[in-house]
Amino acid sequence: TIEFTGALHATVVKQVRLKNPSSKTLMYSAILVGRDADDFSLPKGNTVTIAPKRQTNINVEFTSRFLRPAEAVLLLISKHVGGINGATLTFSLKSEVKHIEPADILKCKSPCYEL
């Protein structure tokens, strides 16, 4: 589970590190699914390539629109490259709004009671 914690309407970025222990290149298609998948994004695109014996990071962004917790799933589905397939990977994405910052403050004057 990857947890995104921040203020309402703030964008939080988390990184997922993927390692390739094999001697062949791995390629994945990244898909966000679930009730709140539209609130999460992959700014570097939906294709991930990992060179042999290397690692890479995937950035996942979340922008909160509501006070309720958001949930989605990040699916990494292996593409067949050079005779090797990687395992399908799934990550649960969850959010929590910790505080609210006011967008603006308005001052008003009005009588409390009028006949």
N, C-alpha and C. Protein backbone atom coordinates (compact mmCIF):
# COMPACT_ATOMS: atom_id res chain seq x y z
N THR A 1 0.84 -1.18 0.00
CA THR A 1 0.00 0.00 0.00
C THR A 1 0.89 1.24 0.00
N ILE A 2 0.53 2.19 -0.87
CA ILE A 2 1.23 3.46 -0.93
C ILE A 2 0.26 4.51 -0.41
N GLU A 3 0.67 5.25 0.62
CA GLU A 3 -0.22 6.22 1.25
C GLU A 3 0.16 7.64 0.86
N PHE A 4 -0.84 8.41 0.45
CA PHE A 4 -0.67 9.81 0.06
C PHE A 4 -1.35 10.66 1.12
N THR A 5 -0.57 11.46 1.85
CA THR A 5 -1.10 12.29 2.93
C THR A 5 -0.75 13.74 2.66
N GLY A 6 -1.75 14.63 2.77
CA GLY A 6 -1.48 16.04 2.54
C GLY A 6 -2.71 16.88 2.77
N ALA A 7 -2.62 18.13 2.31
CA ALA A 7 -3.72 19.08 2.46
C ALA A 7 -4.74 18.91 1.34
N LEU A 8 -5.94 19.38 1.59
CA LEU A 8 -6.99 19.36 0.58
C LEU A 8 -6.54 20.19 -0.62
N HIS A 9 -6.72 19.69 -1.81
CA HIS A 9 -6.35 20.30 -3.09
C HIS A 9 -4.84 20.34 -3.35
N ALA A 10 -4.04 19.76 -2.47
CA ALA A 10 -2.59 19.72 -2.68
C ALA A 10 -2.24 18.50 -3.52
N THR A 11 -1.12 18.59 -4.24
CA THR A 11 -0.62 17.46 -5.03
C THR A 11 0.52 16.79 -4.27
N VAL A 12 0.41 15.48 -4.08
CA VAL A 12 1.42 14.70 -3.38
C VAL A 12 2.03 13.73 -4.39
N VAL A 13 3.35 13.62 -4.40
CA VAL A 13 4.05 12.72 -5.32
C VAL A 13 4.76 11.64 -4.52
N LYS A 14 4.58 10.40 -4.93
CA LYS A 14 5.28 9.26 -4.32
C LYS A 14 6.02 8.52 -5.44
N GLN A 15 7.10 7.85 -5.06
CA GLN A 15 7.87 7.08 -6.03
C GLN A 15 7.77 5.60 -5.72
N VAL A 16 7.66 4.81 -6.78
CA VAL A 16 7.68 3.35 -6.68
C VAL A 16 8.96 2.89 -7.37
N ARG A 17 9.82 2.20 -6.64
CA ARG A 17 11.09 1.72 -7.21
C ARG A 17 10.91 0.29 -7.71
N LEU A 18 11.28 0.08 -8.98
CA LEU A 18 11.21 -1.24 -9.59
C LEU A 18 12.62 -1.69 -9.95
N LYS A 19 12.93 -2.94 -9.60
CA LYS A 19 14.26 -3.50 -9.90
C LYS A 19 14.13 -4.64 -10.89
N ASN A 20 15.11 -4.75 -11.77
CA ASN A 20 15.14 -5.83 -12.75
C ASN A 20 16.39 -6.68 -12.48
N PRO A 21 16.24 -7.81 -11.80
CA PRO A 21 17.40 -8.66 -11.51
C PRO A 21 17.84 -9.53 -12.69
N SER A 22 17.03 -9.59 -13.75
CA SER A 22 17.34 -10.48 -14.87
C SER A 22 18.35 -9.84 -15.83
N SER A 23 18.78 -10.62 -16.80
CA SER A 23 19.75 -10.14 -17.81
C SER A 23 19.05 -9.65 -19.07
N LYS A 24 17.73 -9.56 -19.03
CA LYS A 24 16.94 -9.06 -20.18
C LYS A 24 16.16 -7.82 -19.77
N THR A 25 15.82 -7.00 -20.76
CA THR A 25 15.04 -5.79 -20.51
C THR A 25 13.60 -6.15 -20.17
N LEU A 26 13.03 -5.49 -19.17
CA LEU A 26 11.62 -5.66 -18.82
C LEU A 26 10.86 -4.41 -19.22
N MET A 27 9.63 -4.62 -19.72
CA MET A 27 8.78 -3.50 -20.09
C MET A 27 7.39 -3.73 -19.50
N TYR A 28 6.84 -2.66 -18.92
CA TYR A 28 5.53 -2.74 -18.28
C TYR A 28 4.60 -1.65 -18.82
N SER A 29 3.31 -1.97 -18.86
CA SER A 29 2.26 -0.97 -19.09
C SER A 29 1.65 -0.67 -17.73
N ALA A 30 1.60 0.61 -17.37
CA ALA A 30 1.05 1.02 -16.08
C ALA A 30 -0.38 1.50 -16.28
N ILE A 31 -1.29 1.01 -15.43
CA ILE A 31 -2.71 1.36 -15.52
C ILE A 31 -3.20 1.69 -14.11
N LEU A 32 -3.96 2.77 -14.01
CA LEU A 32 -4.60 3.14 -12.75
C LEU A 32 -6.08 2.78 -12.84
N VAL A 33 -6.57 1.97 -11.90
CA VAL A 33 -7.97 1.54 -11.90
C VAL A 33 -8.57 1.74 -10.52
N GLY A 34 -9.89 1.83 -10.47
CA GLY A 34 -10.57 1.94 -9.19
C GLY A 34 -11.47 3.15 -9.12
N ARG A 35 -12.16 3.27 -8.00
CA ARG A 35 -13.15 4.31 -7.78
C ARG A 35 -12.59 5.72 -7.99
N ASP A 36 -11.39 5.97 -7.50
CA ASP A 36 -10.81 7.32 -7.56
C ASP A 36 -9.58 7.38 -8.46
N ALA A 37 -9.51 6.53 -9.45
CA ALA A 37 -8.34 6.48 -10.33
C ALA A 37 -8.08 7.82 -11.04
N ASP A 38 -9.13 8.61 -11.27
CA ASP A 38 -8.95 9.90 -11.95
C ASP A 38 -8.17 10.91 -11.10
N ASP A 39 -8.11 10.71 -9.80
CA ASP A 39 -7.38 11.62 -8.92
C ASP A 39 -5.88 11.31 -8.87
N PHE A 40 -5.50 10.15 -9.39
CA PHE A 40 -4.09 9.74 -9.43
C PHE A 40 -3.60 9.86 -10.87
N SER A 41 -2.30 10.10 -11.04
CA SER A 41 -1.75 10.19 -12.40
C SER A 41 -0.31 9.70 -12.43
N LEU A 42 0.13 9.38 -13.63
CA LEU A 42 1.51 8.96 -13.89
C LEU A 42 2.13 9.99 -14.83
N PRO A 43 2.83 11.01 -14.29
CA PRO A 43 3.30 12.12 -15.11
C PRO A 43 4.32 11.74 -16.20
N LYS A 44 5.03 10.63 -16.02
CA LYS A 44 6.03 10.22 -17.01
C LYS A 44 5.47 9.28 -18.06
N GLY A 45 4.16 9.06 -18.04
CA GLY A 45 3.55 8.19 -19.04
C GLY A 45 3.24 6.81 -18.50
N ASN A 46 2.61 6.00 -19.35
CA ASN A 46 2.13 4.69 -18.93
C ASN A 46 3.04 3.53 -19.30
N THR A 47 4.17 3.79 -19.92
CA THR A 47 5.09 2.72 -20.28
C THR A 47 6.36 2.84 -19.44
N VAL A 48 6.76 1.70 -18.85
CA VAL A 48 7.96 1.67 -18.01
C VAL A 48 8.92 0.63 -18.57
N THR A 49 10.16 1.05 -18.81
CA THR A 49 11.19 0.14 -19.30
C THR A 49 12.31 0.07 -18.27
N ILE A 50 12.71 -1.16 -17.93
CA ILE A 50 13.78 -1.36 -16.95
C ILE A 50 14.90 -2.15 -17.63
N ALA A 51 16.06 -1.53 -17.72
CA ALA A 51 17.22 -2.18 -18.34
C ALA A 51 17.69 -3.36 -17.48
N PRO A 52 18.42 -4.31 -18.08
CA PRO A 52 18.91 -5.46 -17.32
C PRO A 52 19.78 -5.04 -16.13
N LYS A 53 19.58 -5.71 -15.00
CA LYS A 53 20.35 -5.48 -13.78
C LYS A 53 20.28 -4.03 -13.28
N ARG A 54 19.21 -3.34 -13.62
CA ARG A 54 19.05 -1.93 -13.23
C ARG A 54 17.76 -1.76 -12.44
N GLN A 55 17.52 -0.51 -12.04
CA GLN A 55 16.27 -0.16 -11.36
C GLN A 55 15.78 1.17 -11.89
N THR A 56 14.49 1.42 -11.71
CA THR A 56 13.90 2.69 -12.14
C THR A 56 12.82 3.08 -11.15
N ASN A 57 12.50 4.36 -11.13
CA ASN A 57 11.44 4.87 -10.25
C ASN A 57 10.27 5.35 -11.09
N ILE A 58 9.07 5.06 -10.62
CA ILE A 58 7.84 5.56 -11.24
C ILE A 58 7.25 6.60 -10.29
N ASN A 59 6.97 7.79 -10.80
CA ASN A 59 6.29 8.81 -10.00
C ASN A 59 4.79 8.63 -10.12
N VAL A 60 4.11 8.65 -8.98
CA VAL A 60 2.65 8.60 -8.93
C VAL A 60 2.20 9.87 -8.23
N GLU A 61 1.34 10.66 -8.88
CA GLU A 61 0.84 11.90 -8.31
C GLU A 61 -0.61 11.74 -7.88
N PHE A 62 -0.95 12.42 -6.78
CA PHE A 62 -2.32 12.43 -6.30
C PHE A 62 -2.70 13.86 -5.94
N THR A 63 -3.84 14.31 -6.43
CA THR A 63 -4.39 15.61 -6.06
C THR A 63 -5.75 15.38 -5.42
N SER A 64 -5.87 15.79 -4.15
CA SER A 64 -7.12 15.55 -3.43
C SER A 64 -8.18 16.57 -3.83
N ARG A 65 -9.39 16.06 -4.04
CA ARG A 65 -10.53 16.92 -4.38
C ARG A 65 -11.60 16.88 -3.31
N PHE A 66 -11.58 15.83 -2.48
CA PHE A 66 -12.60 15.63 -1.47
C PHE A 66 -11.95 15.31 -0.12
N LEU A 67 -12.73 15.45 0.95
CA LEU A 67 -12.21 15.13 2.29
C LEU A 67 -12.15 13.63 2.53
N ARG A 68 -13.01 12.88 1.89
CA ARG A 68 -13.03 11.43 2.11
C ARG A 68 -11.76 10.79 1.50
N PRO A 69 -11.32 9.67 2.06
CA PRO A 69 -10.14 9.00 1.52
C PRO A 69 -10.38 8.51 0.09
N ALA A 70 -9.37 8.64 -0.74
CA ALA A 70 -9.43 8.15 -2.12
C ALA A 70 -8.70 6.82 -2.20
N GLU A 71 -9.18 5.94 -3.09
CA GLU A 71 -8.55 4.63 -3.27
C GLU A 71 -8.47 4.30 -4.74
N ALA A 72 -7.36 3.67 -5.13
CA ALA A 72 -7.17 3.19 -6.49
C ALA A 72 -6.12 2.08 -6.45
N VAL A 73 -5.90 1.47 -7.60
CA VAL A 73 -4.89 0.42 -7.73
C VAL A 73 -4.00 0.74 -8.92
N LEU A 74 -2.69 0.64 -8.71
CA LEU A 74 -1.72 0.78 -9.79
C LEU A 74 -1.36 -0.63 -10.26
N LEU A 75 -1.69 -0.93 -11.52
CA LEU A 75 -1.36 -2.22 -12.12
C LEU A 75 -0.19 -2.04 -13.07
N LEU A 76 0.82 -2.89 -12.94
CA LEU A 76 1.94 -2.91 -13.87
C LEU A 76 1.91 -4.26 -14.57
N ILE A 77 1.53 -4.22 -15.85
CA ILE A 77 1.36 -5.45 -16.63
C ILE A 77 2.54 -5.59 -17.57
N SER A 78 3.22 -6.71 -17.49
CA SER A 78 4.42 -6.96 -18.27
C SER A 78 4.11 -7.11 -19.76
N LYS A 79 4.97 -6.52 -20.59
CA LYS A 79 4.89 -6.71 -22.04
C LYS A 79 5.98 -7.71 -22.42
N HIS A 80 5.70 -8.51 -23.42
CA HIS A 80 6.65 -9.53 -23.87
C HIS A 80 7.76 -8.85 -24.68
N VAL A 81 9.00 -8.88 -24.14
CA VAL A 81 10.14 -8.27 -24.81
C VAL A 81 11.31 -9.25 -24.76
N GLY A 82 11.84 -9.61 -25.92
CA GLY A 82 13.04 -10.45 -25.97
C GLY A 82 12.91 -11.79 -25.28
N GLY A 83 11.73 -12.39 -25.33
CA GLY A 83 11.54 -13.73 -24.77
C GLY A 83 11.37 -13.77 -23.26
N ILE A 84 11.17 -12.63 -22.62
CA ILE A 84 10.99 -12.64 -21.17
C ILE A 84 9.77 -11.82 -20.78
N ASN A 85 9.02 -12.34 -19.81
CA ASN A 85 7.88 -11.63 -19.24
C ASN A 85 8.14 -11.43 -17.76
N GLY A 86 7.86 -10.25 -17.27
CA GLY A 86 7.95 -10.00 -15.84
C GLY A 86 6.63 -10.34 -15.18
N ALA A 87 6.62 -10.40 -13.87
CA ALA A 87 5.39 -10.66 -13.12
C ALA A 87 4.51 -9.41 -13.12
N THR A 88 3.20 -9.62 -13.13
CA THR A 88 2.28 -8.49 -12.99
C THR A 88 2.36 -7.99 -11.55
N LEU A 89 2.48 -6.67 -11.41
CA LEU A 89 2.63 -6.06 -10.09
C LEU A 89 1.40 -5.20 -9.78
N THR A 90 0.94 -5.24 -8.53
CA THR A 90 -0.19 -4.39 -8.13
C THR A 90 0.17 -3.64 -6.85
N PHE A 91 -0.22 -2.39 -6.81
CA PHE A 91 0.00 -1.55 -5.64
C PHE A 91 -1.32 -0.87 -5.28
N SER A 92 -1.68 -0.93 -4.01
CA SER A 92 -2.87 -0.25 -3.52
C SER A 92 -2.50 1.20 -3.21
N LEU A 93 -3.29 2.14 -3.71
CA LEU A 93 -3.05 3.57 -3.49
C LEU A 93 -4.16 4.11 -2.60
N LYS A 94 -3.79 4.76 -1.49
CA LYS A 94 -4.79 5.30 -0.56
C LYS A 94 -4.37 6.71 -0.15
N SER A 95 -5.37 7.56 0.09
CA SER A 95 -5.07 8.93 0.47
C SER A 95 -5.73 9.29 1.78
N GLU A 96 -5.20 10.34 2.40
CA GLU A 96 -5.81 10.88 3.61
C GLU A 96 -5.54 12.38 3.64
N VAL A 97 -6.60 13.16 3.82
CA VAL A 97 -6.47 14.62 3.93
C VAL A 97 -6.23 14.94 5.40
N LYS A 98 -5.07 15.54 5.69
CA LYS A 98 -4.70 15.84 7.08
C LYS A 98 -5.11 17.24 7.52
N HIS A 99 -5.15 18.21 6.60
CA HIS A 99 -5.57 19.55 6.98
C HIS A 99 -6.12 20.29 5.77
N ILE A 100 -6.82 21.38 6.08
CA ILE A 100 -7.45 22.19 5.04
C ILE A 100 -6.90 23.60 5.14
N GLU A 101 -6.44 24.12 4.03
CA GLU A 101 -5.96 25.49 3.99
C GLU A 101 -7.03 26.35 3.32
N PRO A 102 -7.39 27.49 3.91
CA PRO A 102 -8.43 28.32 3.29
C PRO A 102 -7.96 28.89 1.95
N ALA A 103 -8.86 28.93 0.99
CA ALA A 103 -8.55 29.50 -0.31
C ALA A 103 -8.52 31.02 -0.24
N ASP A 104 -9.37 31.60 0.63
CA ASP A 104 -9.44 33.04 0.78
C ASP A 104 -10.18 33.36 2.08
N ILE A 105 -9.97 34.58 2.60
CA ILE A 105 -10.67 35.03 3.80
C ILE A 105 -11.42 36.31 3.44
N LEU A 106 -12.71 36.32 3.75
CA LEU A 106 -13.55 37.48 3.47
C LEU A 106 -14.02 38.08 4.78
N LYS A 107 -13.98 39.44 4.87
CA LYS A 107 -14.50 40.13 6.04
C LYS A 107 -15.79 40.83 5.65
N CYS A 108 -16.81 40.63 6.46
CA CYS A 108 -18.12 41.21 6.18
C CYS A 108 -18.61 41.95 7.41
N LYS A 109 -19.37 43.03 7.18
CA LYS A 109 -20.03 43.76 8.26
C LYS A 109 -21.51 43.77 7.96
N SER A 110 -22.29 43.41 8.98
CA SER A 110 -23.73 43.49 8.83
C SER A 110 -24.35 43.60 10.21
N PRO A 111 -25.53 44.22 10.29
CA PRO A 111 -26.17 44.33 11.61
C PRO A 111 -26.64 42.96 12.08
N CYS A 112 -26.53 42.74 13.37
CA CYS A 112 -26.95 41.45 13.93
C CYS A 112 -28.48 41.36 13.98
N TYR A 113 -29.15 42.52 14.21
CA TYR A 113 -30.58 42.49 14.35
C TYR A 113 -31.13 43.82 13.82
N GLU A 114 -32.22 43.71 13.09
CA GLU A 114 -32.83 44.91 12.54
C GLU A 114 -34.33 44.77 12.65
N LEU A 115 -35.02 45.85 13.11
CA LEU A 115 -36.48 45.83 13.22
C LEU A 115 -37.14 45.86 11.86
